[in-house]
Amino acid sequence: MEDMGRVIDTAERLQHVKFVGLHFHIGSQIMDMSDFIALCNRINELQEQLFARRIIVEHINVGGGLGIDYQHPNRQPIPNFTDFFGVYAKHLKLRPGQTLHFELGRSIVGQCGSLISRVLYVKEGTNKKFAILDAGMTDLIRPALYQAYHKIENITSDGAVEVYDVVGPICESSDVFGKAVTLNKVKRGDLIAIRSAGAYGEIMASGYNCRKLPKGYIAEDL
């Protein structure tokens, strides 16, 4: 923010530009509330600098960043919003008339969706087994794009546990949902749930390889 003064000077000279707010993005998947406290302190400092110039902006947007538990989606399906909002209530000093904005997308909907796929084939290689699904990176691209982890479950079988690489049917070496995944014994036709797909899932899906977009279903209880 070293350029703040220069940016404000420039904005004030531009006839058709109105300086209305401050917008922040400090990161994603943040679990440590001290990071949000640090953000509040930084915003307070910037507000003091602006106030010294007789500027009070209308809007403060602190972005999102609050993480969800991809490893254990059932343990805490709803993030700790009490502590999260408590940080801002305690540490952020708003001026009269200012509106505070949050971007809570993933933290609200991330655990609300799962990608349900059917096993097309089980392929046994020399050193490993592959569970090949009818879903692929076109339906949930996060593992291929970011090497992101999603918990994977066989919701059909209660057989003995085995280890699989869980992959899609697309002709891309990156079409992988997970490697060395422990699942109840997989067979053709089993339903596989890829959890925590409510955010950055359907919205990032594509028709690559002439594939149809996945269908979405809403249910109160699954």
Protein backbone atom coordinates (compact mmCIF):
# COMPACT_ATOMS: atom_id res chain seq x y z
CA MET A 1 0.00 0.00 0.00
CA GLU A 2 3.02 2.27 -0.36
CA ASP A 3 1.42 3.82 -3.44
CA MET A 4 -1.81 4.73 -1.64
CA GLY A 5 -1.13 8.46 -1.48
CA ARG A 6 -0.18 8.68 -5.14
CA VAL A 7 -3.23 6.65 -6.19
CA ILE A 8 -5.56 8.91 -4.21
CA ASP A 9 -3.95 12.02 -5.67
CA THR A 10 -4.47 10.64 -9.18
CA ALA A 11 -8.07 9.59 -8.48
CA GLU A 12 -8.97 13.03 -7.15
CA ARG A 13 -7.73 14.65 -10.36
CA LEU A 14 -9.84 12.39 -12.59
CA GLN A 15 -13.20 13.99 -13.25
CA HIS A 16 -15.09 10.74 -13.87
CA VAL A 17 -13.55 8.64 -11.10
CA LYS A 18 -15.07 8.55 -7.63
CA PHE A 19 -13.14 6.94 -4.80
CA VAL A 20 -15.87 4.97 -3.03
CA GLY A 21 -14.17 2.21 -1.08
CA LEU A 22 -11.38 -0.14 -0.11
CA HIS A 23 -11.36 -3.76 -1.29
CA PHE A 24 -9.09 -6.45 0.13
CA HIS A 25 -8.15 -10.03 -0.69
CA ILE A 26 -5.65 -11.55 1.74
CA GLY A 27 -5.84 -15.15 0.58
CA SER A 28 -7.93 -18.31 0.57
CA GLN A 29 -8.52 -21.25 2.89
CA ILE A 30 -7.53 -19.25 5.97
CA MET A 31 -8.21 -20.99 9.29
CA ASP A 32 -6.12 -18.82 11.61
CA MET A 33 -8.20 -15.92 12.92
CA SER A 34 -5.04 -13.92 13.62
CA ASP A 35 -4.76 -13.31 9.87
CA PHE A 36 -8.11 -11.54 9.90
CA ILE A 37 -7.09 -9.55 12.98
CA ALA A 38 -4.01 -8.40 11.06
CA LEU A 39 -6.27 -7.35 8.17
CA CYS A 40 -8.45 -5.30 10.51
CA ASN A 41 -5.39 -3.54 11.91
CA ARG A 42 -4.16 -2.74 8.41
CA ILE A 43 -7.55 -1.37 7.38
CA ASN A 44 -7.62 0.80 10.49
CA GLU A 45 -4.21 2.23 9.56
CA LEU A 46 -5.37 3.00 6.03
CA GLN A 47 -8.55 4.58 7.31
CA GLU A 48 -6.48 6.90 9.52
CA GLN A 49 -4.40 7.92 6.50
CA LEU A 50 -7.55 8.65 4.53
CA PHE A 51 -9.20 10.51 7.41
CA ALA A 52 -6.13 12.73 7.69
CA ARG A 53 -6.93 13.80 4.13
CA ARG A 54 -10.60 14.28 5.01
CA ILE A 55 -11.64 11.21 3.04
CA ILE A 56 -14.20 8.74 4.39
CA VAL A 57 -15.01 6.01 1.88
CA GLU A 58 -18.50 4.55 1.73
CA HIS A 59 -17.55 0.89 1.42
CA ILE A 60 -15.07 -1.49 3.04
CA ASN A 61 -14.89 -4.91 1.35
CA VAL A 62 -12.78 -7.39 3.31
CA GLY A 63 -13.20 -10.17 0.73
CA GLY A 64 -13.54 -13.74 1.89
CA GLY A 65 -10.76 -16.17 2.72
CA LEU A 66 -12.44 -18.18 5.49
CA GLY A 67 -11.54 -21.80 4.82
CA ILE A 68 -13.45 -25.08 4.96
CA ASP A 69 -12.25 -28.51 6.05
CA TYR A 70 -11.69 -30.52 2.87
CA GLN A 71 -10.03 -33.34 4.82
CA HIS A 72 -12.99 -33.94 7.16
CA PRO A 73 -16.15 -32.49 5.58
CA ASN A 74 -18.44 -34.09 8.18
CA ARG A 75 -16.49 -32.85 11.19
CA GLN A 76 -17.24 -29.16 10.70
CA PRO A 77 -19.64 -28.68 7.77
CA ILE A 78 -20.24 -25.07 8.84
CA PRO A 79 -17.14 -22.91 9.45
CA ASN A 80 -16.69 -20.98 12.67
CA PHE A 81 -18.61 -17.88 11.64
CA THR A 82 -18.99 -16.82 15.28
CA ASP A 83 -15.26 -16.27 15.72
CA PHE A 84 -14.88 -14.93 12.18
CA PHE A 85 -17.46 -12.17 12.52
CA GLY A 86 -16.36 -11.61 16.10
CA VAL A 87 -12.93 -10.59 14.84
CA TYR A 88 -14.38 -7.80 12.72
CA ALA A 89 -16.82 -6.71 15.41
CA LYS A 90 -13.97 -6.37 17.90
CA HIS A 91 -11.04 -5.14 15.81
CA LEU A 92 -12.35 -3.24 12.78
CA LYS A 93 -13.05 0.45 13.35
CA LEU A 94 -15.69 1.59 10.89
CA ARG A 95 -16.57 5.24 10.37
CA PRO A 96 -20.19 6.43 10.57
CA GLY A 97 -22.10 5.62 7.39
CA GLN A 98 -19.64 3.02 6.10
CA THR A 99 -20.92 -0.30 4.76
CA LEU A 100 -18.91 -3.46 5.42
CA HIS A 101 -18.93 -6.18 2.74
CA PHE A 102 -17.93 -9.86 2.92
CA GLU A 103 -17.40 -12.40 0.12
CA LEU A 104 -18.26 -15.66 1.84
CA GLY A 105 -18.91 -17.92 -1.17
CA ARG A 106 -16.90 -21.07 -0.46
CA SER A 107 -17.35 -20.92 3.30
CA ILE A 108 -21.14 -21.02 2.84
CA VAL A 109 -21.64 -23.44 -0.05
CA GLY A 110 -18.42 -25.49 -0.22
CA GLN A 111 -19.70 -28.35 1.94
CA CYS A 112 -23.21 -28.19 0.47
CA GLY A 113 -22.36 -30.11 -2.69
CA SER A 114 -20.80 -33.43 -3.70
CA LEU A 115 -19.95 -34.71 -7.16
CA ILE A 116 -21.64 -38.11 -7.49
CA SER A 117 -20.08 -40.32 -10.15
CA ARG A 118 -20.47 -43.90 -11.30
CA VAL A 119 -17.58 -46.31 -11.76
CA LEU A 120 -17.12 -47.24 -15.41
CA TYR A 121 -14.25 -49.69 -14.97
CA VAL A 122 -11.78 -50.97 -12.44
CA LYS A 123 -8.39 -51.33 -14.11
CA GLU A 124 -5.68 -53.38 -12.44
CA GLY A 125 -2.19 -52.24 -13.36
CA THR A 126 1.12 -53.80 -12.41
CA ASN A 127 1.50 -51.81 -9.21
CA LYS A 128 -1.86 -50.16 -8.62
CA LYS A 129 -5.58 -50.24 -9.24
CA PHE A 130 -7.51 -47.52 -11.04
CA ALA A 131 -11.14 -46.65 -10.42
CA ILE A 132 -12.24 -45.00 -13.66
CA LEU A 133 -15.29 -42.78 -13.18
CA ASP A 134 -17.81 -41.32 -15.59
CA ALA A 135 -17.02 -37.89 -14.10
CA GLY A 136 -13.83 -36.12 -15.02
CA MET A 137 -11.88 -32.90 -14.79
CA THR A 138 -14.56 -31.21 -16.88
CA ASP A 139 -16.98 -31.66 -13.97
CA LEU A 140 -14.63 -30.79 -11.09
CA ILE A 141 -11.38 -29.23 -12.24
CA ARG A 142 -9.84 -28.30 -8.88
CA PRO A 143 -7.76 -31.50 -8.45
CA ALA A 144 -6.34 -31.20 -11.98
CA LEU A 145 -5.86 -27.44 -11.89
CA TYR A 146 -4.61 -26.91 -8.33
CA GLN A 147 -3.78 -30.47 -7.20
CA ALA A 148 -6.51 -29.75 -4.66
CA TYR A 149 -7.61 -32.45 -2.24
CA HIS A 150 -11.23 -33.64 -2.09
CA LYS A 151 -12.34 -36.49 0.15
CA ILE A 152 -13.54 -39.43 -1.96
CA GLU A 153 -15.98 -42.08 -0.70
CA ASN A 154 -17.55 -45.21 -2.15
CA ILE A 155 -21.18 -44.78 -1.13
CA THR A 156 -22.27 -48.12 -2.60
CA SER A 157 -19.85 -50.65 -1.15
CA ASP A 158 -19.12 -51.74 2.41
CA GLY A 159 -16.53 -54.26 1.26
CA ALA A 160 -12.95 -54.58 2.42
CA VAL A 161 -10.75 -51.52 2.07
CA GLU A 162 -8.45 -51.26 -0.95
CA VAL A 163 -6.28 -48.54 -2.47
CA TYR A 164 -7.04 -46.93 -5.84
CA ASP A 165 -6.08 -44.07 -8.07
CA VAL A 166 -9.41 -42.41 -8.81
CA VAL A 167 -9.45 -40.98 -12.32
CA GLY A 168 -11.78 -39.69 -15.00
CA PRO A 169 -12.32 -40.89 -18.59
CA ILE A 170 -10.83 -37.88 -20.37
CA CYS A 171 -7.74 -38.15 -22.57
CA GLU A 172 -5.60 -35.98 -20.29
CA SER A 173 -2.94 -37.26 -17.92
CA SER A 174 -4.12 -34.70 -15.37
CA ASP A 175 -7.65 -36.15 -15.23
CA VAL A 176 -7.08 -37.45 -11.72
CA PHE A 177 -9.27 -36.90 -8.65
CA GLY A 178 -6.93 -38.60 -6.20
CA LYS A 179 -3.99 -40.99 -5.98
CA ALA A 180 -3.61 -43.82 -3.47
CA VAL A 181 -7.15 -43.27 -2.20
CA THR A 182 -8.43 -45.75 0.39
CA LEU A 183 -11.93 -46.91 -0.56
CA ASN A 184 -14.24 -49.80 0.20
CA LYS A 185 -13.78 -52.36 -2.58
CA VAL A 186 -14.81 -50.79 -5.87
CA LYS A 187 -16.65 -52.51 -8.68
CA ARG A 188 -18.23 -51.37 -11.93
CA GLY A 189 -21.43 -49.44 -11.29
CA ASP A 190 -20.58 -48.27 -7.77
CA LEU A 191 -21.40 -44.68 -6.88
CA ILE A 192 -18.47 -42.54 -5.78
CA ALA A 193 -18.94 -39.28 -3.89
CA ILE A 194 -16.33 -36.56 -4.27
CA ARG A 195 -17.00 -34.27 -1.34
CA SER A 196 -16.82 -30.52 -0.76
CA ALA A 197 -17.69 -29.74 -4.38
CA GLY A 198 -20.23 -27.02 -3.66
CA ALA A 199 -17.77 -24.26 -4.51
CA TYR A 200 -15.68 -24.00 -7.68
CA GLY A 201 -17.31 -27.17 -8.98
CA GLU A 202 -20.31 -26.79 -11.25
CA ILE A 203 -19.47 -23.15 -11.90
CA MET A 204 -16.04 -24.10 -13.34
CA ALA A 205 -17.31 -27.09 -15.34
CA SER A 206 -16.73 -27.14 -19.09
CA GLY A 207 -17.77 -28.94 -22.25
CA TYR A 208 -14.20 -29.93 -23.13
CA ASN A 209 -13.95 -33.22 -25.06
CA CYS A 210 -17.58 -32.69 -26.18
CA ARG A 211 -18.79 -33.61 -22.72
CA LYS A 212 -22.12 -32.46 -21.37
CA LEU A 213 -22.23 -30.32 -18.26
CA PRO A 214 -23.13 -32.19 -15.07
CA LYS A 215 -26.69 -32.00 -13.82
CA GLY A 216 -27.37 -30.50 -10.42
CA TYR A 217 -29.92 -31.79 -7.92
CA ILE A 218 -31.04 -30.17 -4.69
CA ALA A 219 -32.12 -32.18 -1.66
CA GLU A 220 -32.61 -31.36 2.00
CA ASP A 221 -31.19 -34.70 3.11
CA LEU A 222 -28.83 -37.03 1.26
